[in-house]
Amino acid sequence: MLADVHYPHTDLKLLRWSLEEEHDSVVLLGDSVDLAASLPELLRLVGNEGSVPVTLVRGDNEEALGIGGVDFYSALGGRVLMVHGHQGNVANESFTKFAARLAARVSRRLVLSVYAMRLHRPGVFVVAGHAHALWYSRAFRVAIVGSLSTKSSSRPFNEQGYAILSGESLTLKVDPDDLVVSIKV
């Protein structure tokens, strides 16, 4: 799972690393491109020239750019729900960023816990992007998979990473050799 790639404003080294991991499909968790014209190139790249199926979950960038995609993607018989995560915004994007910046000065965990609480779905493990944070809430059963975009001062968090769902285990990673956490879903 790759979230917030923001192609072409992408950490290409991290993108290459993530694609070198063993995988049989790719789920793009929204905000995949910053320019609609970049989508075909990104899909070719992550889909290994069409040999790997790619699912695009629609994020707020896709909505703004008029790009299609699915609202969510389910795995493991519906026990895992993958969303972009803009559904966790409070009021709107601008207010959410403002509030997150202020609250993060006090507690990063508090900000991400509120976000996880807003994304929580009973009986389902939720995997999301949008926050550009790499984090897991055991209490709310929500994993936030980080970002593959280049860093930006406009975001409260700029944590890079990606996720791999293998069997019933979700692994959050920063690079192929750096396991952040492995979670039984």
Foldseek 3Di string as FASTA:
>chain_A
DAEQCQPPQFQVVQVVQVLVPDDQAEEYAENNHQAPVCVVVVCCVSCVNVRHYYFYAYDPSCVVNVHDGHQWDAPPVRQEIEHAQLQLADPHDVVLQVVQLVVVVVPNVVSVVSSLVSVADPNHQYEYEDQQDADADPVRNYGYQHHRGDDDPSHSHNHHWGWDCDPQWIWIARGPVGTPDIDRD
